[in-house]
Amino acid sequence: MKWICKMLQRMEAQGEDFESRLRALEGWRAEKAGEERRISTISAGAGGVVGGVVAVLLRVMGGG
């Protein structure tokens, strides 16, 4: 009977370890997705600024 209890405790500890690793992985993926979203937003903002500058230059130079 004692070995069954020990085995159950060991299995529970392994389950908790697995769950903590899974939560860490989920957190890492969420953080990674946030970084990618932030980089995409920055790139889109920079593209808009560059496009605006080009439009102004074309107007000043008489090309548009």
PDB file of N, CA and C in Angstrom:
ATOM      1  N   MET A   1       0.810  -1.183   0.000  1.00  0.00           N
ATOM      2  CA  MET A   1       0.000   0.000   0.000  1.00  0.00           C
ATOM      3  C   MET A   1       0.862   1.260   0.000  1.00  0.00           C
ATOM      4  N   LYS A   2       1.958   1.231   0.720  1.00  0.00           N
ATOM      5  CA  LYS A   2       2.824   2.412   0.788  1.00  0.00           C
ATOM      6  C   LYS A   2       3.384   2.757  -0.587  1.00  0.00           C
ATOM      7  N   TRP A   3       3.755   1.740  -1.369  1.00  0.00           N
ATOM      8  CA  TRP A   3       4.352   2.012  -2.679  1.00  0.00           C
ATOM      9  C   TRP A   3       3.338   2.666  -3.616  1.00  0.00           C
ATOM     10  N   ILE A   4       2.053   2.349  -3.445  1.00  0.00           N
ATOM     11  CA  ILE A   4       1.020   2.983  -4.268  1.00  0.00           C
ATOM     12  C   ILE A   4       0.950   4.475  -3.937  1.00  0.00           C
ATOM     13  N   CYS A   5       0.971   4.801  -2.661  1.00  0.00           N
ATOM     14  CA  CYS A   5       0.938   6.211  -2.236  1.00  0.00           C
ATOM     15  C   CYS A   5       2.159   6.960  -2.747  1.00  0.00           C
ATOM     16  N   LYS A   6       3.324   6.309  -2.638  1.00  0.00           N
ATOM     17  CA  LYS A   6       4.550   6.948  -3.130  1.00  0.00           C
ATOM     18  C   LYS A   6       4.484   7.169  -4.634  1.00  0.00           C
ATOM     19  N   MET A   7       3.960   6.181  -5.341  1.00  0.00           N
ATOM     20  CA  MET A   7       3.849   6.300  -6.794  1.00  0.00           C
ATOM     21  C   MET A   7       2.881   7.415  -7.166  1.00  0.00           C
ATOM     22  N   LEU A   8       1.777   7.521  -6.466  1.00  0.00           N
ATOM     23  CA  LEU A   8       0.807   8.585  -6.722  1.00  0.00           C
ATOM     24  C   LEU A   8       1.410   9.961  -6.443  1.00  0.00           C
ATOM     25  N   GLN A   9       2.174  10.066  -5.374  1.00  0.00           N
ATOM     26  CA  GLN A   9       2.839  11.339  -5.055  1.00  0.00           C
ATOM     27  C   GLN A   9       3.836  11.704  -6.149  1.00  0.00           C
ATOM     28  N   ARG A  10       4.571  10.719  -6.618  1.00  0.00           N
ATOM     29  CA  ARG A  10       5.551  10.956  -7.681  1.00  0.00           C
ATOM     30  C   ARG A  10       4.849  11.405  -8.975  1.00  0.00           C
ATOM     31  N   MET A  11       3.746  10.741  -9.292  1.00  0.00           N
ATOM     32  CA  MET A  11       2.998  11.106 -10.492  1.00  0.00           C
ATOM     33  C   MET A  11       2.429  12.521 -10.367  1.00  0.00           C
ATOM     34  N   GLU A  12       1.956  12.873  -9.199  1.00  0.00           N
ATOM     35  CA  GLU A  12       1.418  14.211  -8.978  1.00  0.00           C
ATOM     36  C   GLU A  12       2.515  15.262  -9.121  1.00  0.00           C
ATOM     37  N   ALA A  13       3.684  14.978  -8.589  1.00  0.00           N
ATOM     38  CA  ALA A  13       4.807  15.911  -8.707  1.00  0.00           C
ATOM     39  C   ALA A  13       5.211  16.078 -10.172  1.00  0.00           C
ATOM     40  N   GLN A  14       5.228  14.994 -10.916  1.00  0.00           N
ATOM     41  CA  GLN A  14       5.560  15.076 -12.339  1.00  0.00           C
ATOM     42  C   GLN A  14       4.508  15.883 -13.091  1.00  0.00           C
ATOM     43  N   GLY A  15       3.238  15.698 -12.729  1.00  0.00           N
ATOM     44  CA  GLY A  15       2.159  16.457 -13.348  1.00  0.00           C
ATOM     45  C   GLY A  15       2.291  17.947 -13.071  1.00  0.00           C
ATOM     46  N   GLU A  16       2.647  18.299 -11.844  1.00  0.00           N
ATOM     47  CA  GLU A  16       2.838  19.702 -11.484  1.00  0.00           C
ATOM     48  C   GLU A  16       4.021  20.294 -12.241  1.00  0.00           C
ATOM     49  N   ASP A  17       5.087  19.510 -12.371  1.00  0.00           N
ATOM     50  CA  ASP A  17       6.262  19.968 -13.116  1.00  0.00           C
ATOM     51  C   ASP A  17       5.900  20.204 -14.580  1.00  0.00           C
ATOM     52  N   PHE A  18       5.169  19.266 -15.161  1.00  0.00           N
ATOM     53  CA  PHE A  18       4.747  19.392 -16.554  1.00  0.00           C
ATOM     54  C   PHE A  18       3.861  20.626 -16.735  1.00  0.00           C
ATOM     55  N   GLU A  19       2.953  20.837 -15.789  1.00  0.00           N
ATOM     56  CA  GLU A  19       2.055  21.984 -15.871  1.00  0.00           C
ATOM     57  C   GLU A  19       2.821  23.299 -15.770  1.00  0.00           C
ATOM     58  N   SER A  20       3.806  23.375 -14.910  1.00  0.00           N
ATOM     59  CA  SER A  20       4.589  24.607 -14.781  1.00  0.00           C
ATOM     60  C   SER A  20       5.406  24.864 -16.043  1.00  0.00           C
ATOM     61  N   ARG A  21       5.932  23.804 -16.644  1.00  0.00           N
ATOM     62  CA  ARG A  21       6.664  23.978 -17.908  1.00  0.00           C
ATOM     63  C   ARG A  21       5.736  24.447 -19.019  1.00  0.00           C
ATOM     64  N   LEU A  22       4.533  23.896 -19.058  1.00  0.00           N
ATOM     65  CA  LEU A  22       3.555  24.282 -20.070  1.00  0.00           C
ATOM     66  C   LEU A  22       3.162  25.755 -19.896  1.00  0.00           C
ATOM     67  N   ARG A  23       2.939  26.182 -18.667  1.00  0.00           N
ATOM     68  CA  ARG A  23       2.600  27.591 -18.407  1.00  0.00           C
ATOM     69  C   ARG A  23       3.748  28.518 -18.805  1.00  0.00           C
ATOM     70  N   ALA A  24       4.970  28.110 -18.550  1.00  0.00           N
ATOM     71  CA  ALA A  24       6.122  28.921 -18.952  1.00  0.00           C
ATOM     72  C   ALA A  24       6.189  29.042 -20.472  1.00  0.00           C
ATOM     73  N   LEU A  25       5.924  27.952 -21.162  1.00  0.00           N
ATOM     74  CA  LEU A  25       5.926  27.971 -22.623  1.00  0.00           C
ATOM     75  C   LEU A  25       4.815  28.875 -23.155  1.00  0.00           C
ATOM     76  N   GLU A  26       3.631  28.787 -22.558  1.00  0.00           N
ATOM     77  CA  GLU A  26       2.523  29.642 -22.971  1.00  0.00           C
ATOM     78  C   GLU A  26       2.876  31.113 -22.757  1.00  0.00           C
ATOM     79  N   GLY A  27       3.508  31.424 -21.638  1.00  0.00           N
ATOM     80  CA  GLY A  27       3.922  32.802 -21.357  1.00  0.00           C
ATOM     81  C   GLY A  27       4.944  33.285 -22.362  1.00  0.00           C
ATOM     82  N   TRP A  28       5.882  32.424 -22.712  1.00  0.00           N
ATOM     83  CA  TRP A  28       6.911  32.796 -23.689  1.00  0.00           C
ATOM     84  C   TRP A  28       6.273  33.066 -25.041  1.00  0.00           C
ATOM     85  N   ARG A  29       5.333  32.222 -25.438  1.00  0.00           N
ATOM     86  CA  ARG A  29       4.673  32.410 -26.740  1.00  0.00           C
ATOM     87  C   ARG A  29       3.867  33.701 -26.763  1.00  0.00           C
ATOM     88  N   ALA A  30       3.189  34.010 -25.670  1.00  0.00           N
ATOM     89  CA  ALA A  30       2.408  35.247 -25.602  1.00  0.00           C
ATOM     90  C   ALA A  30       3.338  36.459 -25.674  1.00  0.00           C
ATOM     91  N   GLU A  31       4.475  36.369 -24.995  1.00  0.00           N
ATOM     92  CA  GLU A  31       5.456  37.460 -25.024  1.00  0.00           C
ATOM     93  C   GLU A  31       6.015  37.626 -26.436  1.00  0.00           C
ATOM     94  N   LYS A  32       6.324  36.521 -27.086  1.00  0.00           N
ATOM     95  CA  LYS A  32       6.863  36.541 -28.447  1.00  0.00           C
ATOM     96  C   LYS A  32       5.843  37.156 -29.412  1.00  0.00           C
ATOM     97  N   ALA A  33       4.580  36.789 -29.273  1.00  0.00           N
ATOM     98  CA  ALA A  33       3.529  37.343 -30.129  1.00  0.00           C
ATOM     99  C   ALA A  33       3.396  38.842 -29.906  1.00  0.00           C
ATOM    100  N   GLY A  34       3.536  39.285 -28.655  1.00  0.00           N
ATOM    101  CA  GLY A  34       3.470  40.710 -28.347  1.00  0.00           C
ATOM    102  C   GLY A  34       4.617  41.466 -28.993  1.00  0.00           C
ATOM    103  N   GLU A  35       5.815  40.884 -28.980  1.00  0.00           N
ATOM    104  CA  GLU A  35       6.974  41.525 -29.612  1.00  0.00           C
ATOM    105  C   GLU A  35       6.766  41.642 -31.115  1.00  0.00           C
ATOM    106  N   GLU A  36       6.268  40.580 -31.740  1.00  0.00           N
ATOM    107  CA  GLU A  36       6.044  40.602 -33.188  1.00  0.00           C
ATOM    108  C   GLU A  36       4.992  41.647 -33.550  1.00  0.00           C
ATOM    109  N   ARG A  37       3.949  41.757 -32.737  1.00  0.00           N
ATOM    110  CA  ARG A  37       2.896  42.733 -32.989  1.00  0.00           C
ATOM    111  C   ARG A  37       3.455  44.151 -32.852  1.00  0.00           C
ATOM    112  N   ARG A  38       4.309  44.363 -31.844  1.00  0.00           N
ATOM    113  CA  ARG A  38       4.898  45.684 -31.616  1.00  0.00           C
ATOM    114  C   ARG A  38       5.825  46.064 -32.774  1.00  0.00           C
ATOM    115  N   ILE A  39       6.621  45.132 -33.253  1.00  0.00           N
ATOM    116  CA  ILE A  39       7.528  45.399 -34.376  1.00  0.00           C
ATOM    117  C   ILE A  39       6.724  45.721 -35.630  1.00  0.00           C
ATOM    118  N   SER A  40       5.644  44.988 -35.850  1.00  0.00           N
ATOM    119  CA  SER A  40       4.788  45.232 -37.009  1.00  0.00           C
ATOM    120  C   SER A  40       4.173  46.628 -36.942  1.00  0.00           C
ATOM    121  N   THR A  41       3.747  47.037 -35.761  1.00  0.00           N
ATOM    122  CA  THR A  41       3.153  48.369 -35.589  1.00  0.00           C
ATOM    123  C   THR A  41       4.187  49.452 -35.834  1.00  0.00           C
ATOM    124  N   ILE A  42       5.394  49.262 -35.336  1.00  0.00           N
ATOM    125  CA  ILE A  42       6.462  50.244 -35.538  1.00  0.00           C
ATOM    126  C   ILE A  42       6.799  50.355 -37.022  1.00  0.00           C
ATOM    127  N   SER A  43       6.873  49.220 -37.699  1.00  0.00           N
ATOM    128  CA  SER A  43       7.180  49.216 -39.132  1.00  0.00           C
ATOM    129  C   SER A  43       6.099  49.939 -39.920  1.00  0.00           C
ATOM    130  N   ALA A  44       4.845  49.696 -39.572  1.00  0.00           N
ATOM    131  CA  ALA A  44       3.736  50.350 -40.270  1.00  0.00           C
ATOM    132  C   ALA A  44       3.792  51.856 -40.034  1.00  0.00           C
ATOM    133  N   GLY A  45       4.116  52.271 -38.819  1.00  0.00           N
ATOM    134  CA  GLY A  45       4.225  53.700 -38.521  1.00  0.00           C
ATOM    135  C   GLY A  45       5.358  54.344 -39.288  1.00  0.00           C
ATOM    136  N   ALA A  46       6.490  53.663 -39.379  1.00  0.00           N
ATOM    137  CA  ALA A  46       7.637  54.198 -40.116  1.00  0.00           C
ATOM    138  C   ALA A  46       7.306  54.293 -41.597  1.00  0.00           C
ATOM    139  N   GLY A  47       6.597  53.315 -42.120  1.00  0.00           N
ATOM    140  CA  GLY A  47       6.207  53.341 -43.531  1.00  0.00           C
ATOM    141  C   GLY A  47       5.298  54.512 -43.828  1.00  0.00           C
ATOM    142  N   GLY A  48       4.401  54.825 -42.904  1.00  0.00           N
ATOM    143  CA  GLY A  48       3.506  55.965 -43.081  1.00  0.00           C
ATOM    144  C   GLY A  48       4.257  57.272 -43.077  1.00  0.00           C
ATOM    145  N   VAL A  49       5.243  57.405 -42.216  1.00  0.00           N
ATOM    146  CA  VAL A  49       6.050  58.634 -42.142  1.00  0.00           C
ATOM    147  C   VAL A  49       6.845  58.807 -43.426  1.00  0.00           C
ATOM    148  N   VAL A  50       7.477  57.758 -43.891  1.00  0.00           N
ATOM    149  CA  VAL A  50       8.271  57.825 -45.116  1.00  0.00           C
ATOM    150  C   VAL A  50       7.379  58.172 -46.299  1.00  0.00           C
ATOM    151  N   GLY A  51       6.205  57.562 -46.373  1.00  0.00           N
ATOM    152  CA  GLY A  51       5.270  57.866 -47.451  1.00  0.00           C
ATOM    153  C   GLY A  51       4.847  59.330 -47.434  1.00  0.00           C
ATOM    154  N   GLY A  52       4.618  59.867 -46.246  1.00  0.00           N
ATOM    155  CA  GLY A  52       4.245  61.277 -46.116  1.00  0.00           C
ATOM    156  C   GLY A  52       5.361  62.199 -46.567  1.00  0.00           C
ATOM    157  N   VAL A  53       6.587  61.876 -46.210  1.00  0.00           N
ATOM    158  CA  VAL A  53       7.733  62.690 -46.608  1.00  0.00           C
ATOM    159  C   VAL A  53       7.888  62.673 -48.127  1.00  0.00           C
ATOM    160  N   VAL A  54       7.725  61.502 -48.730  1.00  0.00           N
ATOM    161  CA  VAL A  54       7.832  61.389 -50.189  1.00  0.00           C
ATOM    162  C   VAL A  54       6.741  62.223 -50.855  1.00  0.00           C
ATOM    163  N   ALA A  55       5.528  62.177 -50.332  1.00  0.00           N
ATOM    164  CA  ALA A  55       4.429  62.957 -50.912  1.00  0.00           C
ATOM    165  C   ALA A  55       4.723  64.450 -50.832  1.00  0.00           C
ATOM    166  N   VAL A  56       5.258  64.904 -49.718  1.00  0.00           N
ATOM    167  CA  VAL A  56       5.595  66.324 -49.561  1.00  0.00           C
ATOM    168  C   VAL A  56       6.696  66.714 -50.542  1.00  0.00           C
ATOM    169  N   LEU A  57       7.714  65.899 -50.660  1.00  0.00           N
ATOM    170  CA  LEU A  57       8.821  66.198 -51.588  1.00  0.00           C
ATOM    171  C   LEU A  57       8.326  66.256 -53.023  1.00  0.00           C
ATOM    172  N   LEU A  58       7.438  65.349 -53.394  1.00  0.00           N
ATOM    173  CA  LEU A  58       6.918  65.382 -54.759  1.00  0.00           C
ATOM    174  C   LEU A  58       6.110  66.652 -55.006  1.00  0.00           C
ATOM    175  N   ARG A  59       5.352  67.092 -54.033  1.00  0.00           N
ATOM    176  CA  ARG A  59       4.594  68.336 -54.191  1.00  0.00           C
ATOM    177  C   ARG A  59       5.528  69.527 -54.314  1.00  0.00           C
ATOM    178  N   VAL A  60       6.544  69.569 -53.459  1.00  0.00           N
ATOM    179  CA  VAL A  60       7.484  70.688 -53.477  1.00  0.00           C
ATOM    180  C   VAL A  60       8.232  70.730 -54.816  1.00  0.00           C
ATOM    181  N   MET A  61       8.582  69.562 -55.302  1.00  0.00           N
ATOM    182  CA  MET A  61       9.343  69.522 -56.551  1.00  0.00           C
ATOM    183  C   MET A  61       8.421  69.640 -57.774  1.00  0.00           C
ATOM    184  N   GLY A  62       7.104  69.623 -57.545  1.00  0.00           N
ATOM    185  CA  GLY A  62       6.175  69.783 -58.655  1.00  0.00           C
ATOM    186  C   GLY A  62       5.858  68.509 -59.372  1.00  0.00           C
ATOM    187  N   GLY A  63       6.134  67.383 -58.752  1.00  0.00           N
ATOM    188  CA  GLY A  63       5.887  66.113 -59.421  1.00  0.00           C
ATOM    189  C   GLY A  63       4.540  65.506 -59.092  1.00  0.00           C
ATOM    190  N   GLY A  64       3.755  66.092 -58.237  1.00  0.00           N
ATOM    191  CA  GLY A  64       2.519  65.417 -57.897  1.00  0.00           C
ATOM    192  C   GLY A  64       1.491  66.371 -57.578  1.00  0.00           C
TER     193      GLY A  64
END
